[in-house]
Amino acid sequence: MPRLTNILSLLWEFPLFIFSFFFYRLTRWGFRRTLRTRIRKGKFNRKQTNWKGLSDILSKPMGLPYVMITGPRWNCHAIIGMVGPLSIKSFVQINLDSANKSATRWTLTIYNLDYQTVACLSSETCPREGWQRVQLKSGTYFLTIRYYHWRNDAEFPVVNIDGMVTIDHCPTQEECQLYPEFIERIRNYGNIFYLCLHYYVYFMLLRQKLFLSSFVNKEFLPVGNCETAFFYGIIKKGEGIQIEITQMLLSNSLIFFTFYNQCSFPVCWEEITRNIYRSQPMPCKGYYLLRVHSTIKPENEVRLHLNIAVCQGTPDSSISI
């Protein structure tokens, strides 16, 4: 009987998955085509090559749909700065002094126009001061920096392009206030448009056995960010999660838990600072993402220090996954 119920569920779930999968891709194609057209026609001016906080992008009329297509796995734990599109012929240099004094841990990622990661810097891999040079092929790029445990006087760093164009540092005090406020406003948000965009993600995680793990990773995980191991899974309404962490991993990592609804909006989020973390039952069905910024490498080694369980009802009746 359970098998028959499962087959019947697939009969209506799978067509919705197909529709959502292609609807997301068509919408993403439309945004990217518009962006490329604007770049080709020179619609971006010098003012737009300054650092912008993510809240500045979200304040624009199409800002929220843009983020829900380019980076829908919301990072609720960092202050995020973005700059671009930048036309780079040979190299870019980043002044690390600002980044290192702004946060206890940071990552800077360089993306191409398809939001593929082409380079990544972090507080764990770069010197504590001076300039860091990154060689690039001639093209158009975006830079994104994330600050964790940021300081009150944090600022986005000075960037030099091909030794000719300089992007000045930018204070983050306003962003430190506006971004958390925006995240709170969209807590457990959703509508039919965003459900159509992201339903396929929930189905894909729910029916992982039907898909290659490489496909699931590519579709689900956020745009590339170095120094981060990701762990994810489904949580149904009324269930919670229990995470057991070894002291070694806890002492050498920043660990962040986020739960998203089916529309891919954050419902709850928290930094984990203890060996055993137990969440409250979730108010809706959705999926979780665990971000682990660790000095322990590689990711398979990080997994050995974690035990993640979905809890039915109370944390004491947990089912290991």
Protein backbone atom coordinates (compact mmCIF):
# COMPACT_ATOMS: atom_id res chain seq x y z
CA MET A 1 0.00 0.00 0.00
CA PRO A 2 2.73 2.58 0.82
CA ARG A 3 4.37 1.75 -2.50
CA LEU A 4 1.11 2.31 -4.39
CA THR A 5 0.61 5.65 -2.59
CA ASN A 6 4.15 6.63 -3.53
CA ILE A 7 3.54 5.83 -7.21
CA LEU A 8 0.26 7.76 -7.25
CA SER A 9 2.00 10.78 -5.67
CA LEU A 10 4.63 10.71 -8.40
CA LEU A 11 1.93 10.85 -11.08
CA TRP A 12 1.01 14.42 -10.11
CA GLU A 13 4.28 15.53 -8.48
CA PHE A 14 6.54 14.74 -11.43
CA PRO A 15 4.64 16.91 -14.00
CA LEU A 16 4.82 19.80 -11.51
CA PHE A 17 8.56 19.18 -11.17
CA ILE A 18 9.01 19.32 -14.96
CA PHE A 19 6.98 22.54 -15.21
CA SER A 20 8.87 24.22 -12.32
CA PHE A 21 12.28 23.09 -13.61
CA PHE A 22 11.77 24.63 -17.05
CA PHE A 23 9.92 27.69 -15.71
CA TYR A 24 12.95 28.47 -13.52
CA ARG A 25 15.32 28.02 -16.44
CA LEU A 26 13.25 30.13 -18.80
CA THR A 27 12.99 32.94 -16.24
CA ARG A 28 16.72 32.77 -15.50
CA TRP A 29 17.50 32.86 -19.22
CA GLY A 30 15.35 35.98 -19.58
CA PHE A 31 17.17 37.79 -16.76
CA ARG A 32 20.60 36.84 -18.07
CA ARG A 33 19.74 37.82 -21.62
CA THR A 34 18.51 41.20 -20.41
CA LEU A 35 21.71 41.70 -18.41
CA ARG A 36 23.94 40.81 -21.36
CA THR A 37 21.97 43.12 -23.63
CA ARG A 38 22.34 46.02 -21.20
CA ILE A 39 26.09 45.38 -20.92
CA ARG A 40 26.47 45.23 -24.70
CA LYS A 41 24.60 48.51 -25.11
CA GLY A 42 26.65 50.20 -22.41
CA LYS A 43 23.75 50.68 -20.00
CA PHE A 44 26.02 50.35 -16.95
CA ASN A 45 27.87 53.50 -15.92
CA ARG A 46 30.76 54.24 -13.57
CA LYS A 47 28.40 54.74 -10.64
CA GLN A 48 27.23 51.15 -10.91
CA THR A 49 30.76 49.83 -10.51
CA ASN A 50 30.88 50.92 -6.87
CA TRP A 51 30.30 48.49 -4.04
CA LYS A 52 26.63 47.87 -3.29
CA GLY A 53 25.13 46.01 -0.36
CA LEU A 54 22.64 43.28 -1.21
CA SER A 55 19.88 45.38 0.37
CA ASP A 56 20.54 48.07 -2.25
CA ILE A 57 19.91 45.55 -5.02
CA LEU A 58 16.80 44.26 -3.25
CA SER A 59 15.37 47.77 -3.03
CA LYS A 60 15.09 47.94 -6.83
CA PRO A 61 11.73 47.02 -8.48
CA MET A 62 13.05 43.71 -9.85
CA GLY A 63 15.62 43.16 -7.10
CA LEU A 64 13.84 40.34 -5.28
CA PRO A 65 13.08 38.24 -8.40
CA TYR A 66 16.69 38.79 -9.52
CA VAL A 67 18.08 37.42 -6.24
CA MET A 68 15.58 34.54 -6.22
CA ILE A 69 16.95 33.45 -9.59
CA THR A 70 20.68 34.10 -9.16
CA GLY A 71 21.13 33.19 -5.47
CA PRO A 72 17.91 31.76 -4.00
CA ARG A 73 19.56 29.92 -1.08
CA TRP A 74 19.58 33.02 1.14
CA ASN A 75 22.60 33.62 3.35
CA CYS A 76 21.05 35.13 6.49
CA HIS A 77 24.31 35.11 8.46
CA ALA A 78 26.61 37.42 6.50
CA ILE A 79 26.77 41.00 5.29
CA ILE A 80 27.12 40.79 1.51
CA GLY A 81 28.69 43.33 -0.82
CA MET A 82 28.61 43.13 -4.62
CA VAL A 83 30.31 45.03 -7.41
CA GLY A 84 29.93 44.61 -11.15
CA PRO A 85 29.65 43.99 -13.97
CA LEU A 86 33.35 44.76 -14.35
CA SER A 87 35.22 44.63 -17.64
CA ILE A 88 38.58 43.05 -16.78
CA LYS A 89 41.32 42.45 -19.34
CA SER A 90 44.02 40.77 -17.28
CA PHE A 91 43.86 40.97 -13.48
CA VAL A 92 42.15 42.37 -10.43
CA GLN A 93 43.76 43.33 -7.11
CA ILE A 94 42.00 43.45 -3.75
CA ASN A 95 43.31 45.33 -0.73
CA LEU A 96 43.08 42.81 2.12
CA ASP A 97 43.58 45.34 4.92
CA SER A 98 39.93 46.43 4.83
CA ALA A 99 38.56 42.89 4.69
CA ASN A 100 40.71 41.59 7.53
CA LYS A 101 39.85 44.46 9.85
CA SER A 102 36.14 44.28 8.98
CA ALA A 103 35.28 40.72 10.02
CA THR A 104 36.68 37.71 11.84
CA ARG A 105 36.02 35.64 8.72
CA TRP A 106 35.32 36.66 5.12
CA THR A 107 35.17 35.22 1.62
CA LEU A 108 35.44 36.99 -1.73
CA THR A 109 34.24 35.24 -4.85
CA ILE A 110 34.65 36.25 -8.51
CA TYR A 111 31.90 35.13 -10.91
CA ASN A 112 31.50 35.31 -14.66
CA LEU A 113 28.27 36.41 -16.37
CA ASP A 114 26.81 32.90 -15.89
CA TYR A 115 27.51 33.15 -12.15
CA GLN A 116 30.09 30.41 -12.32
CA THR A 117 32.91 30.76 -9.80
CA VAL A 118 36.24 31.60 -11.45
CA ALA A 119 38.25 32.58 -8.35
CA CYS A 120 37.85 32.66 -4.60
CA LEU A 121 39.74 34.36 -1.76
CA SER A 122 39.18 34.05 1.97
CA SER A 123 40.51 35.07 5.35
CA GLU A 124 41.80 31.51 5.76
CA THR A 125 43.85 31.39 2.56
CA CYS A 126 45.10 34.96 2.05
CA PRO A 127 47.74 37.05 3.84
CA ARG A 128 46.59 39.27 6.69
CA GLU A 129 47.53 42.49 4.93
CA GLY A 130 48.51 44.04 1.60
CA TRP A 131 47.17 43.43 -1.90
CA GLN A 132 46.05 40.13 -3.41
CA ARG A 133 46.29 39.81 -7.20
CA VAL A 134 44.04 37.47 -9.21
CA GLN A 135 44.81 36.74 -12.88
CA LEU A 136 41.72 36.47 -15.09
CA LYS A 137 40.91 35.91 -18.73
CA SER A 138 39.60 38.97 -20.53
CA GLY A 139 35.89 39.22 -19.81
CA THR A 140 33.10 40.59 -17.62
CA TYR A 141 32.91 39.64 -13.95
CA PHE A 142 31.12 40.23 -10.66
CA LEU A 143 32.79 40.34 -7.24
CA THR A 144 30.91 39.32 -4.10
CA ILE A 145 32.29 39.59 -0.58
CA ARG A 146 30.70 38.08 2.53
CA TYR A 147 31.54 39.21 6.06
CA TYR A 148 30.86 36.90 9.01
CA HIS A 149 31.00 38.30 12.55
CA TRP A 150 31.50 41.76 11.13
CA ARG A 151 32.68 44.76 13.12
CA ASN A 152 30.94 48.13 13.56
CA ASP A 153 33.51 49.93 11.39
CA ALA A 154 33.46 47.29 8.61
CA GLU A 155 33.95 48.41 5.02
CA PHE A 156 34.04 46.76 1.62
CA PRO A 157 37.64 46.76 0.29
CA VAL A 158 39.47 48.81 -2.33
CA VAL A 159 39.66 47.01 -5.69
CA ASN A 160 42.02 47.79 -8.56
CA ILE A 161 41.26 46.62 -12.10
CA ASP A 162 44.14 46.08 -14.55
CA GLY A 163 46.19 48.64 -12.62
CA MET A 164 44.07 51.48 -14.07
CA VAL A 165 40.60 51.64 -12.49
CA THR A 166 40.14 51.79 -8.72
CA ILE A 167 36.93 51.00 -6.86
CA ASP A 168 37.02 52.76 -3.51
CA HIS A 169 36.31 51.18 -0.16
CA CYS A 170 32.71 51.54 1.07
CA PRO A 171 31.47 51.64 4.69
CA THR A 172 28.90 48.97 5.61
CA GLN A 173 27.14 50.52 8.61
CA GLU A 174 23.92 51.11 6.66
CA GLU A 175 24.00 47.63 5.13
CA CYS A 176 24.50 46.07 8.58
CA GLN A 177 21.13 47.52 9.54
CA LEU A 178 19.14 47.23 6.31
CA TYR A 179 19.97 43.65 5.29
CA PRO A 180 18.89 41.96 8.56
CA GLU A 181 15.70 44.06 8.50
CA PHE A 182 14.95 42.92 4.94
CA ILE A 183 15.58 39.27 5.82
CA GLU A 184 13.11 39.57 8.68
CA ARG A 185 10.46 41.04 6.35
CA ILE A 186 10.65 38.09 3.96
CA ARG A 187 10.62 35.42 6.69
CA ASN A 188 8.44 32.55 5.41
CA TYR A 189 7.30 34.69 2.46
CA GLY A 190 5.97 33.22 -0.74
CA ASN A 191 3.44 33.38 -3.56
CA ILE A 192 2.50 31.38 -6.63
CA PHE A 193 5.29 32.88 -8.76
CA TYR A 194 8.07 31.84 -6.35
CA LEU A 195 6.43 28.46 -5.75
CA CYS A 196 6.48 27.83 -9.51
CA LEU A 197 10.14 28.88 -9.61
CA HIS A 198 11.34 26.63 -6.80
CA TYR A 199 8.91 23.73 -6.41
CA TYR A 200 11.30 21.55 -8.42
CA VAL A 201 13.96 22.00 -5.71
CA TYR A 202 11.72 20.55 -3.00
CA PHE A 203 10.72 17.64 -5.23
CA MET A 204 14.33 16.98 -6.18
CA LEU A 205 15.42 16.78 -2.52
CA LEU A 206 12.37 14.74 -1.55
CA ARG A 207 13.05 12.22 -4.35
CA GLN A 208 16.84 12.28 -4.36
CA LYS A 209 17.02 8.61 -5.34
CA LEU A 210 15.66 9.55 -8.78
CA PHE A 211 18.55 11.92 -9.52
CA LEU A 212 22.32 11.86 -9.73
CA SER A 213 23.91 13.44 -6.66
CA SER A 214 26.01 15.71 -8.91
CA PHE A 215 22.80 17.04 -10.49
CA VAL A 216 21.19 17.70 -7.11
CA ASN A 217 24.31 19.51 -5.86
CA LYS A 218 24.51 21.67 -8.96
CA GLU A 219 20.85 22.66 -8.81
CA PHE A 220 20.51 23.19 -5.09
CA LEU A 221 23.71 24.59 -3.70
CA PRO A 222 24.32 28.35 -3.62
CA VAL A 223 26.60 29.97 -6.18
CA GLY A 224 30.14 28.89 -5.40
CA ASN A 225 31.71 30.09 -2.17
CA CYS A 226 35.10 28.85 -1.03
CA GLU A 227 35.85 27.64 2.49
CA THR A 228 32.29 26.31 2.83
CA ALA A 229 31.00 22.76 3.14
CA PHE A 230 27.25 22.34 2.57
CA PHE A 231 24.82 19.79 4.00
CA TYR A 232 21.12 19.75 3.20
CA GLY A 233 17.89 17.80 3.30
CA ILE A 234 14.09 17.82 3.65
CA ILE A 235 12.18 18.73 6.81
CA LYS A 236 8.40 18.28 6.82
CA LYS A 237 5.87 20.33 8.76
CA GLY A 238 6.02 19.54 12.47
CA GLU A 239 9.48 17.99 12.23
CA GLY A 240 12.64 19.47 13.66
CA ILE A 241 16.34 18.82 13.30
CA GLN A 242 19.05 17.67 15.67
CA ILE A 243 22.72 18.21 14.87
CA GLU A 244 25.56 16.73 16.90
CA ILE A 245 28.99 18.29 16.34
CA THR A 246 32.37 17.19 17.63
CA GLN A 247 34.32 19.67 19.72
CA MET A 248 37.12 19.63 17.14
CA LEU A 249 34.80 20.85 14.35
CA LEU A 250 33.07 23.35 16.63
CA SER A 251 36.40 24.88 17.66
CA ASN A 252 37.62 25.25 14.06
CA SER A 253 34.46 26.34 12.27
CA LEU A 254 31.58 28.73 11.90
CA ILE A 255 28.38 26.68 11.48
CA PHE A 256 25.12 28.18 10.25
CA PHE A 257 21.70 26.52 9.96
CA THR A 258 18.94 27.88 7.70
CA PHE A 259 15.52 26.39 6.95
CA TYR A 260 13.65 27.44 3.77
CA ASN A 261 10.04 27.00 2.71
CA GLN A 262 9.03 25.55 -0.66
CA CYS A 263 9.30 28.99 -2.25
CA SER A 264 12.97 29.09 -1.11
CA PHE A 265 12.46 31.93 1.39
CA PRO A 266 14.12 31.61 4.82
CA VAL A 267 11.87 30.57 7.70
CA CYS A 268 14.38 30.34 10.53
CA TRP A 269 18.13 30.66 10.82
CA GLU A 270 20.74 30.42 13.56
CA GLU A 271 24.45 30.12 14.16
CA ILE A 272 25.25 26.87 15.95
CA THR A 273 27.65 27.34 18.85
CA ARG A 274 27.08 24.21 20.91
CA ASN A 275 27.81 20.52 20.45
CA ILE A 276 24.17 19.48 20.28
CA TYR A 277 21.69 21.69 18.45
CA ARG A 278 17.94 21.00 18.50
CA SER A 279 15.51 23.11 16.52
CA GLN A 280 11.85 23.73 17.19
CA PRO A 281 9.30 21.91 14.97
CA MET A 282 9.03 23.67 11.61
CA PRO A 283 5.80 25.52 10.75
CA CYS A 284 5.83 24.29 7.13
CA LYS A 285 7.52 21.79 4.88
CA GLY A 286 10.74 22.76 3.19
CA TYR A 287 14.46 22.11 3.28
CA TYR A 288 17.47 23.01 5.38
CA LEU A 289 20.97 24.08 4.45
CA LEU A 290 23.88 23.78 6.84
CA ARG A 291 26.86 26.00 6.01
CA VAL A 292 30.15 24.97 7.62
CA HIS A 293 33.06 27.42 7.26
CA SER A 294 35.90 25.27 8.54
CA THR A 295 39.67 25.01 8.55
CA ILE A 296 39.18 21.22 8.39
CA LYS A 297 39.59 19.97 4.81
CA PRO A 298 38.31 18.34 2.66
CA GLU A 299 34.49 18.32 2.90
CA ASN A 300 34.40 14.56 3.40
CA GLU A 301 36.49 15.04 6.53
CA VAL A 302 34.02 17.64 7.83
CA ARG A 303 31.20 15.14 7.41
CA LEU A 304 32.86 12.77 9.85
CA HIS A 305 32.44 15.36 12.62
CA LEU A 306 28.69 15.81 12.07
CA ASN A 307 25.60 13.76 12.86
CA ILE A 308 22.40 15.23 11.41
CA ALA A 309 18.97 13.85 12.28
CA VAL A 310 15.40 14.83 11.43
CA CYS A 311 13.19 14.63 14.51
CA GLN A 312 9.61 13.39 14.48
CA GLY A 313 7.66 15.39 17.05
CA THR A 314 10.34 15.82 19.69
CA PRO A 315 14.12 15.73 19.36
CA ASP A 316 14.22 12.53 21.42
CA SER A 317 12.54 10.53 18.62
CA SER A 318 15.09 11.32 15.93
CA ILE A 319 15.68 9.46 12.72
CA SER A 320 19.26 9.65 11.45
CA ILE A 321 19.78 10.74 7.86
